[in-house]
Amino acid sequence: MSKRIPKRSKELLNKSIESCLLAVEVYNKPQTKFRSGGYIVLMTIAYTSLFHAIFEKCKIKYYHKERGSNKYIVIDGEHKAWELSDCLKEHFKNCEKEELPIRKNIEFFIPLRNKIEHRFMPELDDEIFGECQALLHNFEYILIKEFGEKYAIRENLVFSLQFAKTYPSSKEKEIFVKQNKGFERIKTYIADFRNSLDEETYSDQRYRFNVYLFPKLVSNKNKAEYAIEWVDYDPKDPEGMKDYERIIGIISEKVKPVSNSGYLKAKEVSNLVEIELRKIYGDKFKFSYSAHHHTCCMYFKIRPKKDDPNPERTNPNFCVYDAVHKDYVYTQAWVDFLVKRLSDREELIKILPSLILRLDYEKTSNSTPQLENNEIETYL
């Protein structure tokens, strides 16, 4: 790495760092409502500028060319530069396996930025906090790797003060989620992206930052101690891992594992959905776990088909494969999701047309309609 950074590269580098610091400032401000959205937009600018600075330093042309020509596209007198997705392809084209979680973490935010840029969605904050934190760590990792410790920004950042120990749910937030149809589409994207990752990448701290936070007891009030101490996770450091494993061991002793705790069987899901939807469609509404619930699982692609060679490829927000019993268990979030989607009559008609047809028929007749053989299973 050259000691002297080209002028244009340094300008882009400064822009990148400023955008990153501004992103953190926006996220940590107590009264910020467009928290995740503002953070993602500014971090996208920060990363794009960082990669452009790297390309300038390495003398890589990062401009779009006209189709079928070597002529660069010019807009308002400036060459049209690569977007973040283009930068990722160039920067990580020869990346090693250990950097794959970093690339996936950045890729996660590109379509998400496009989806939420003009939407007000504070309920996403706790949903994607892990990815947001990893995005910041990865930024500094690339920054230091390419330009050296001189440009490290961690000294400018402190642990933000918190009023609450957890993210509280409010009635205002719940009402907003119900009124915002775009939120479900974004949630689906998040679930699908996570589901597309292999287990090793998804659990990597560089893709999604996960931590335990627990009180630290101060042993000596006259001794200077840090209120917060960071125990780094580095599998390549045996000594450091001893501290990490010791802490996890303490937590594991306190939290006894219970198999499938908090999960529901398909029949339990169906019963809960049926109870809620009867409030809308009447007491004759029936939601079968063997037919209707299975249809919904396939329609929303939360689990693979029965004979799929990879049964573990589920949407973890809604469904988990139980390898011991060779079946699936489901979350309360899946119940809530089904109730919300099927409460919309048009959605119900699209997913389970024969079910709503039967309901409508029974409203005008006391007899059961004659069914074709291929429809019988749908009604059971």
Protein backbone atom coordinates (compact mmCIF):
# COMPACT_ATOMS: atom_id res chain seq x y z
CA MET A 1 0.00 0.00 0.00
CA SER A 2 1.37 3.38 -1.01
CA LYS A 3 2.08 5.81 1.82
CA ARG A 4 0.73 8.71 -0.19
CA ILE A 5 -2.95 8.58 -1.09
CA PRO A 6 -3.95 10.28 -4.37
CA LYS A 7 -5.87 13.53 -3.88
CA ARG A 8 -9.09 12.27 -5.46
CA SER A 9 -8.91 9.09 -3.40
CA LYS A 10 -8.47 11.06 -0.18
CA GLU A 11 -11.45 13.31 -0.99
CA LEU A 12 -13.64 10.24 -1.49
CA LEU A 13 -12.22 8.68 1.68
CA ASN A 14 -13.10 11.75 3.77
CA LYS A 15 -16.61 11.79 2.28
CA SER A 16 -16.96 8.12 3.15
CA ILE A 17 -15.89 8.56 6.78
CA GLU A 18 -18.13 11.61 7.25
CA SER A 19 -21.11 9.72 5.85
CA CYS A 20 -20.43 6.81 8.18
CA LEU A 21 -20.19 9.04 11.27
CA LEU A 22 -23.36 10.86 10.24
CA ALA A 23 -25.13 7.52 9.83
CA VAL A 24 -24.20 6.53 13.38
CA GLU A 25 -25.26 9.94 14.67
CA VAL A 26 -28.66 9.61 13.00
CA TYR A 27 -29.14 6.10 14.37
CA ASN A 28 -28.18 7.00 17.95
CA LYS A 29 -30.23 10.21 18.26
CA PRO A 30 -33.03 9.52 20.77
CA GLN A 31 -35.77 11.31 18.83
CA THR A 32 -34.90 9.94 15.40
CA LYS A 33 -37.90 8.09 13.96
CA PHE A 34 -36.53 7.20 10.54
CA ARG A 35 -33.65 5.49 12.31
CA SER A 36 -32.86 2.40 10.24
CA GLY A 37 -33.83 4.09 6.98
CA GLY A 38 -31.54 7.08 7.53
CA TYR A 39 -28.72 4.86 8.71
CA ILE A 40 -28.94 2.55 5.70
CA VAL A 41 -29.06 5.39 3.16
CA LEU A 42 -26.04 7.13 4.69
CA MET A 43 -24.08 3.89 5.08
CA THR A 44 -24.76 3.09 1.42
CA ILE A 45 -23.17 6.43 0.52
CA ALA A 46 -20.29 5.70 2.91
CA TYR A 47 -19.57 2.29 1.39
CA THR A 48 -19.91 3.51 -2.20
CA SER A 49 -17.47 6.34 -1.55
CA LEU A 50 -15.09 3.99 0.27
CA PHE A 51 -14.95 1.59 -2.66
CA HIS A 52 -14.51 4.49 -5.11
CA ALA A 53 -11.60 5.71 -2.97
CA ILE A 54 -10.06 2.23 -3.11
CA PHE A 55 -10.50 2.07 -6.88
CA GLU A 56 -8.91 5.51 -7.28
CA LYS A 57 -5.96 4.37 -5.20
CA CYS A 58 -5.61 1.19 -7.27
CA LYS A 59 -6.20 3.06 -10.57
CA ILE A 60 -9.29 1.00 -11.41
CA LYS A 61 -11.80 2.68 -13.75
CA TYR A 62 -15.11 2.53 -11.90
CA TYR A 63 -17.37 4.13 -14.51
CA HIS A 64 -20.24 2.79 -16.60
CA LYS A 65 -19.67 2.37 -20.32
CA GLU A 66 -22.21 2.70 -23.07
CA ARG A 67 -23.58 -0.62 -24.22
CA GLY A 68 -21.40 -2.19 -26.89
CA SER A 69 -18.83 0.60 -26.64
CA ASN A 70 -15.72 1.59 -24.73
CA LYS A 71 -17.09 5.12 -24.33
CA TYR A 72 -17.98 6.13 -20.80
CA ILE A 73 -21.46 7.39 -19.94
CA VAL A 74 -21.40 11.10 -19.03
CA ILE A 75 -24.19 12.80 -17.04
CA ASP A 76 -24.04 16.56 -16.38
CA GLY A 77 -20.39 16.58 -17.32
CA GLU A 78 -19.45 13.77 -14.90
CA HIS A 79 -18.71 10.14 -15.62
CA LYS A 80 -21.44 7.86 -14.29
CA ALA A 81 -19.77 5.94 -11.45
CA TRP A 82 -20.55 2.41 -10.31
CA GLU A 83 -23.31 1.87 -7.79
CA LEU A 84 -22.63 -0.12 -4.62
CA SER A 85 -23.66 -3.44 -6.21
CA ASP A 86 -21.12 -2.92 -9.00
CA CYS A 87 -18.45 -2.03 -6.47
CA LEU A 88 -19.06 -5.25 -4.54
CA LYS A 89 -18.57 -7.35 -7.66
CA GLU A 90 -15.20 -5.73 -8.31
CA HIS A 91 -13.92 -5.58 -4.73
CA PHE A 92 -14.92 -9.11 -3.76
CA LYS A 93 -14.37 -10.83 -7.11
CA ASN A 94 -11.43 -12.79 -5.69
CA CYS A 95 -12.46 -12.75 -2.03
CA GLU A 96 -11.66 -15.68 0.25
CA LYS A 97 -14.34 -17.65 2.08
CA GLU A 98 -13.74 -15.77 5.33
CA GLU A 99 -14.84 -12.50 3.70
CA LEU A 100 -18.07 -13.93 2.28
CA PRO A 101 -20.14 -12.91 5.37
CA ILE A 102 -18.93 -9.32 4.89
CA ARG A 103 -20.07 -9.29 1.27
CA LYS A 104 -23.42 -10.84 2.18
CA ASN A 105 -23.93 -8.31 4.95
CA ILE A 106 -23.48 -5.40 2.54
CA GLU A 107 -25.57 -7.09 -0.17
CA PHE A 108 -28.41 -7.47 2.32
CA PHE A 109 -28.84 -3.69 2.52
CA ILE A 110 -28.84 -2.84 -1.20
CA PRO A 111 -32.42 -3.91 -2.09
CA LEU A 112 -33.52 -3.07 1.47
CA ARG A 113 -32.33 0.51 0.96
CA ASN A 114 -34.38 0.72 -2.24
CA LYS A 115 -37.47 -0.63 -0.48
CA ILE A 116 -37.41 1.60 2.60
CA GLU A 117 -35.74 4.79 1.32
CA HIS A 118 -39.04 6.63 1.01
CA ARG A 119 -40.95 4.80 3.72
CA PHE A 120 -41.28 5.53 7.43
CA MET A 121 -40.66 2.19 9.15
CA PRO A 122 -39.35 2.46 12.73
CA GLU A 123 -40.53 -1.10 13.47
CA LEU A 124 -37.58 -2.41 11.45
CA ASP A 125 -35.05 -1.09 13.96
CA ASP A 126 -34.91 -4.12 16.26
CA GLU A 127 -35.55 -6.52 13.35
CA ILE A 128 -32.28 -5.68 11.56
CA PHE A 129 -30.14 -4.31 14.40
CA GLY A 130 -27.65 -7.19 14.14
CA GLU A 131 -27.05 -6.58 10.45
CA CYS A 132 -26.78 -2.80 11.01
CA GLN A 133 -24.13 -3.25 13.69
CA ALA A 134 -22.15 -5.69 11.54
CA LEU A 135 -22.35 -3.21 8.64
CA LEU A 136 -20.51 -0.65 10.78
CA HIS A 137 -17.83 -3.11 11.94
CA ASN A 138 -17.26 -4.28 8.37
CA PHE A 139 -16.88 -0.69 7.18
CA GLU A 140 -14.02 -0.06 9.57
CA TYR A 141 -12.46 -3.44 8.75
CA ILE A 142 -12.27 -2.54 5.04
CA LEU A 143 -11.21 1.02 5.81
CA ILE A 144 -8.25 -0.07 7.96
CA LYS A 145 -7.31 -2.92 5.64
CA GLU A 146 -7.08 -0.58 2.63
CA PHE A 147 -5.84 2.67 4.19
CA GLY A 148 -4.31 1.79 7.55
CA GLU A 149 -4.98 2.40 11.26
CA LYS A 150 -4.53 6.13 10.75
CA TYR A 151 -8.08 6.34 9.42
CA ALA A 152 -9.74 4.16 12.07
CA ILE A 153 -12.96 5.75 13.33
CA ARG A 154 -13.67 3.62 16.40
CA GLU A 155 -12.12 6.23 18.69
CA ASN A 156 -14.87 8.64 17.60
CA LEU A 157 -17.66 6.25 18.57
CA VAL A 158 -18.91 5.45 22.06
CA PHE A 159 -21.50 3.06 23.43
CA SER A 160 -24.82 4.89 23.23
CA LEU A 161 -26.80 5.40 26.45
CA GLN A 162 -30.04 3.43 26.71
CA PHE A 163 -33.30 4.10 28.56
CA ALA A 164 -34.63 0.58 28.05
CA LYS A 165 -33.05 -2.86 28.45
CA THR A 166 -35.02 -4.17 25.46
CA TYR A 167 -36.91 -2.73 22.53
CA PRO A 168 -40.45 -2.19 23.86
CA SER A 169 -43.48 -2.78 21.65
CA SER A 170 -46.04 0.01 21.63
CA LYS A 171 -49.66 0.22 20.55
CA GLU A 172 -48.70 2.96 18.08
CA LYS A 173 -46.17 0.68 16.47
CA GLU A 174 -48.62 -2.24 16.24
CA ILE A 175 -51.27 -0.03 14.61
CA PHE A 176 -48.73 1.32 12.14
CA VAL A 177 -47.61 -2.17 11.13
CA LYS A 178 -51.20 -3.22 10.47
CA GLN A 179 -51.82 -0.18 8.30
CA ASN A 180 -48.62 -0.45 6.28
CA LYS A 181 -48.92 -3.16 3.63
CA GLY A 182 -45.38 -2.50 2.40
CA PHE A 183 -43.96 -3.66 5.73
CA GLU A 184 -44.91 -7.29 5.11
CA ARG A 185 -43.14 -7.23 1.75
CA ILE A 186 -39.98 -5.95 3.40
CA LYS A 187 -40.27 -8.55 6.18
CA THR A 188 -40.62 -11.23 3.51
CA TYR A 189 -37.49 -9.97 1.75
CA ILE A 190 -35.53 -10.04 5.03
CA ALA A 191 -36.69 -13.57 5.80
CA ASP A 192 -35.96 -14.81 2.26
CA PHE A 193 -32.46 -13.29 2.23
CA ARG A 194 -31.56 -14.82 5.59
CA ASN A 195 -33.02 -18.14 4.51
CA SER A 196 -30.80 -18.15 1.40
CA LEU A 197 -27.62 -18.08 3.51
CA ASP A 198 -25.84 -21.18 4.71
CA GLU A 199 -25.70 -21.69 8.47
CA GLU A 200 -22.02 -20.75 8.73
CA THR A 201 -22.50 -17.39 7.00
CA TYR A 202 -25.70 -16.52 8.88
CA SER A 203 -24.13 -17.22 12.27
CA ASP A 204 -20.95 -15.27 11.45
CA GLN A 205 -20.57 -12.05 13.44
CA ARG A 206 -19.47 -10.27 10.28
CA TYR A 207 -22.84 -10.89 8.71
CA ARG A 208 -25.05 -10.35 11.75
CA PHE A 209 -23.70 -9.03 15.03
CA ASN A 210 -25.17 -10.85 18.04
CA VAL A 211 -24.14 -10.28 21.65
CA TYR A 212 -25.16 -11.02 25.20
CA LEU A 213 -25.47 -7.95 27.44
CA PHE A 214 -25.45 -8.65 31.16
CA PRO A 215 -24.60 -6.59 34.26
CA LYS A 216 -20.98 -6.42 35.36
CA LEU A 217 -20.42 -6.41 39.13
CA VAL A 218 -17.82 -3.85 40.27
CA SER A 219 -15.60 -5.47 42.86
CA ASN A 220 -13.75 -2.39 44.12
CA LYS A 221 -15.31 1.09 44.04
CA ASN A 222 -11.90 2.76 44.42
CA LYS A 223 -10.46 0.91 41.44
CA ALA A 224 -10.86 2.37 37.97
CA GLU A 225 -12.81 -0.07 35.82
CA TYR A 226 -14.49 0.10 32.45
CA ALA A 227 -18.28 0.09 32.64
CA ILE A 228 -18.26 -1.89 29.40
CA GLU A 229 -15.58 -4.36 28.41
CA TRP A 230 -15.43 -5.99 25.00
CA VAL A 231 -14.56 -9.68 24.76
CA ASP A 232 -13.65 -10.18 21.12
CA TYR A 233 -14.81 -13.26 19.23
CA ASP A 234 -11.92 -14.69 17.24
CA PRO A 235 -11.83 -18.48 16.72
CA LYS A 236 -8.22 -18.13 15.50
CA ASP A 237 -7.13 -16.85 18.95
CA PRO A 238 -7.14 -19.82 21.40
CA GLU A 239 -6.37 -17.68 24.45
CA GLY A 240 -9.06 -15.12 23.65
CA MET A 241 -11.57 -17.88 23.00
CA LYS A 242 -11.07 -19.18 26.54
CA ASP A 243 -12.58 -15.96 27.93
CA TYR A 244 -15.40 -16.12 25.40
CA GLU A 245 -16.22 -19.77 26.16
CA ARG A 246 -16.09 -19.11 29.90
CA ILE A 247 -18.75 -16.39 29.60
CA ILE A 248 -20.94 -18.50 27.30
CA GLY A 249 -20.55 -21.38 29.75
CA ILE A 250 -21.89 -19.20 32.58
CA ILE A 251 -24.88 -18.18 30.48
CA SER A 252 -25.51 -21.79 29.43
CA GLU A 253 -25.60 -22.86 33.09
CA LYS A 254 -28.26 -20.26 33.80
CA VAL A 255 -30.37 -21.08 30.73
CA LYS A 256 -31.28 -24.76 30.62
CA PRO A 257 -32.09 -25.93 27.10
CA VAL A 258 -35.63 -27.16 26.46
CA SER A 259 -36.33 -28.93 23.19
CA ASN A 260 -38.60 -26.91 20.86
CA SER A 261 -39.56 -24.52 23.63
CA GLY A 262 -41.92 -21.83 22.31
CA TYR A 263 -42.66 -23.65 19.04
CA LEU A 264 -46.03 -24.95 17.85
CA LYS A 265 -47.13 -28.04 15.95
CA ALA A 266 -49.06 -27.63 12.69
CA LYS A 267 -52.32 -28.61 14.40
CA GLU A 268 -51.79 -26.01 17.14
CA VAL A 269 -51.10 -23.35 14.50
CA SER A 270 -54.30 -24.29 12.65
CA ASN A 271 -56.41 -24.16 15.82
CA LEU A 272 -55.10 -20.70 16.71
CA VAL A 273 -55.63 -19.38 13.17
CA GLU A 274 -59.13 -20.86 13.05
CA ILE A 275 -60.13 -19.20 16.34
CA GLU A 276 -59.02 -15.77 15.12
CA LEU A 277 -60.49 -16.03 11.62
CA ARG A 278 -63.87 -17.21 12.92
CA LYS A 279 -64.20 -13.69 14.34
CA ILE A 280 -64.17 -12.47 10.74
CA TYR A 281 -65.73 -15.28 8.68
CA GLY A 282 -68.12 -16.81 11.24
CA ASP A 283 -68.32 -19.98 13.34
CA LYS A 284 -68.40 -22.32 10.32
CA PHE A 285 -64.89 -21.32 9.25
CA LYS A 286 -62.54 -24.32 9.42
CA PHE A 287 -58.79 -24.26 8.92
CA SER A 288 -57.37 -27.75 8.43
CA TYR A 289 -53.76 -28.42 9.43
CA SER A 290 -53.37 -31.23 6.89
CA ALA A 291 -54.68 -29.27 3.90
CA HIS A 292 -55.13 -25.54 4.45
CA HIS A 293 -52.08 -25.04 6.65
CA HIS A 294 -49.92 -27.12 4.30
CA THR A 295 -51.13 -25.06 1.34
CA CYS A 296 -50.15 -21.85 3.14
CA CYS A 297 -46.69 -23.25 3.95
CA MET A 298 -46.10 -23.98 0.29
CA TYR A 299 -47.65 -20.70 -0.92
CA PHE A 300 -45.47 -18.54 1.34
CA LYS A 301 -42.46 -20.87 0.88
CA ILE A 302 -41.62 -21.11 4.58
CA ARG A 303 -40.51 -24.76 4.26
CA PRO A 304 -39.59 -27.15 1.46
CA LYS A 305 -41.81 -29.90 0.08
CA LYS A 306 -42.06 -33.25 1.83
CA ASP A 307 -39.48 -35.10 -0.29
CA ASP A 308 -36.97 -32.27 -0.52
CA PRO A 309 -33.41 -33.51 0.15
CA ASN A 310 -32.73 -30.41 2.28
CA PRO A 311 -35.62 -30.25 4.78
CA GLU A 312 -33.73 -27.80 6.99
CA ARG A 313 -34.06 -24.98 4.43
CA THR A 314 -36.88 -23.15 6.16
CA ASN A 315 -37.79 -19.56 6.88
CA PRO A 316 -36.44 -19.47 10.48
CA ASN A 317 -38.76 -16.62 11.43
CA PHE A 318 -41.74 -18.89 10.87
CA CYS A 319 -40.63 -22.52 10.76
CA VAL A 320 -37.85 -24.81 12.01
CA TYR A 321 -37.07 -28.38 11.01
CA ASP A 322 -36.87 -30.86 13.91
CA ALA A 323 -34.26 -33.39 12.77
CA VAL A 324 -34.92 -35.75 15.70
CA HIS A 325 -38.63 -36.16 14.99
CA LYS A 326 -38.28 -35.47 11.25
CA ASP A 327 -41.07 -32.91 11.19
CA TYR A 328 -41.57 -29.14 11.36
CA VAL A 329 -42.47 -26.81 14.21
CA TYR A 330 -43.73 -23.25 13.86
CA THR A 331 -43.50 -19.91 15.62
CA GLN A 332 -46.13 -17.57 17.02
CA ALA A 333 -44.97 -15.10 14.36
CA TRP A 334 -46.24 -17.55 11.73
CA VAL A 335 -49.65 -17.64 13.41
CA ASP A 336 -49.80 -13.83 13.50
CA PHE A 337 -48.67 -13.65 9.87
CA LEU A 338 -51.37 -16.09 8.69
CA VAL A 339 -54.11 -14.33 10.65
CA LYS A 340 -53.12 -10.98 9.17
CA ARG A 341 -52.84 -12.21 5.58
CA LEU A 342 -55.95 -14.41 5.61
CA SER A 343 -58.04 -11.71 7.27
CA ASP A 344 -57.96 -10.04 3.89
CA ARG A 345 -60.77 -11.73 1.95
CA GLU A 346 -59.08 -11.19 -1.41
CA GLU A 347 -55.90 -12.78 -0.09
CA LEU A 348 -57.87 -15.73 1.26
CA ILE A 349 -59.57 -16.23 -2.12
CA LYS A 350 -56.18 -16.19 -3.87
CA ILE A 351 -54.56 -18.69 -1.50
CA LEU A 352 -57.50 -20.95 -0.57
CA PRO A 353 -60.21 -20.33 -3.20
CA SER A 354 -62.19 -23.51 -2.50
CA LEU A 355 -62.37 -22.73 1.22
CA ILE A 356 -64.02 -19.35 0.71
CA LEU A 357 -66.24 -20.85 -1.97
CA ARG A 358 -67.55 -23.37 0.53
CA LEU A 359 -68.15 -20.67 3.14
CA ASP A 360 -70.17 -18.62 0.66
CA TYR A 361 -72.17 -21.68 -0.37
CA GLU A 362 -73.04 -22.61 3.20
CA LYS A 363 -74.35 -19.11 3.85
CA THR A 364 -77.07 -19.68 1.23
CA SER A 365 -77.66 -23.43 1.71
CA ASN A 366 -77.95 -25.81 4.64
CA SER A 367 -76.57 -28.67 2.54
CA THR A 368 -72.96 -29.48 1.77
CA PRO A 369 -71.97 -28.81 -1.83
CA GLN A 370 -71.10 -31.70 -4.08
CA LEU A 371 -67.35 -31.76 -4.49
CA GLU A 372 -65.12 -33.07 -7.19
CA ASN A 373 -62.64 -35.75 -6.09
CA ASN A 374 -59.69 -33.40 -6.43
CA GLU A 375 -61.40 -30.81 -4.18
CA ILE A 376 -62.22 -33.12 -1.27
CA GLU A 377 -58.76 -32.95 0.30
CA THR A 378 -58.84 -29.16 0.24
CA TYR A 379 -61.93 -29.12 2.46
CA LEU A 380 -60.80 -31.75 4.95
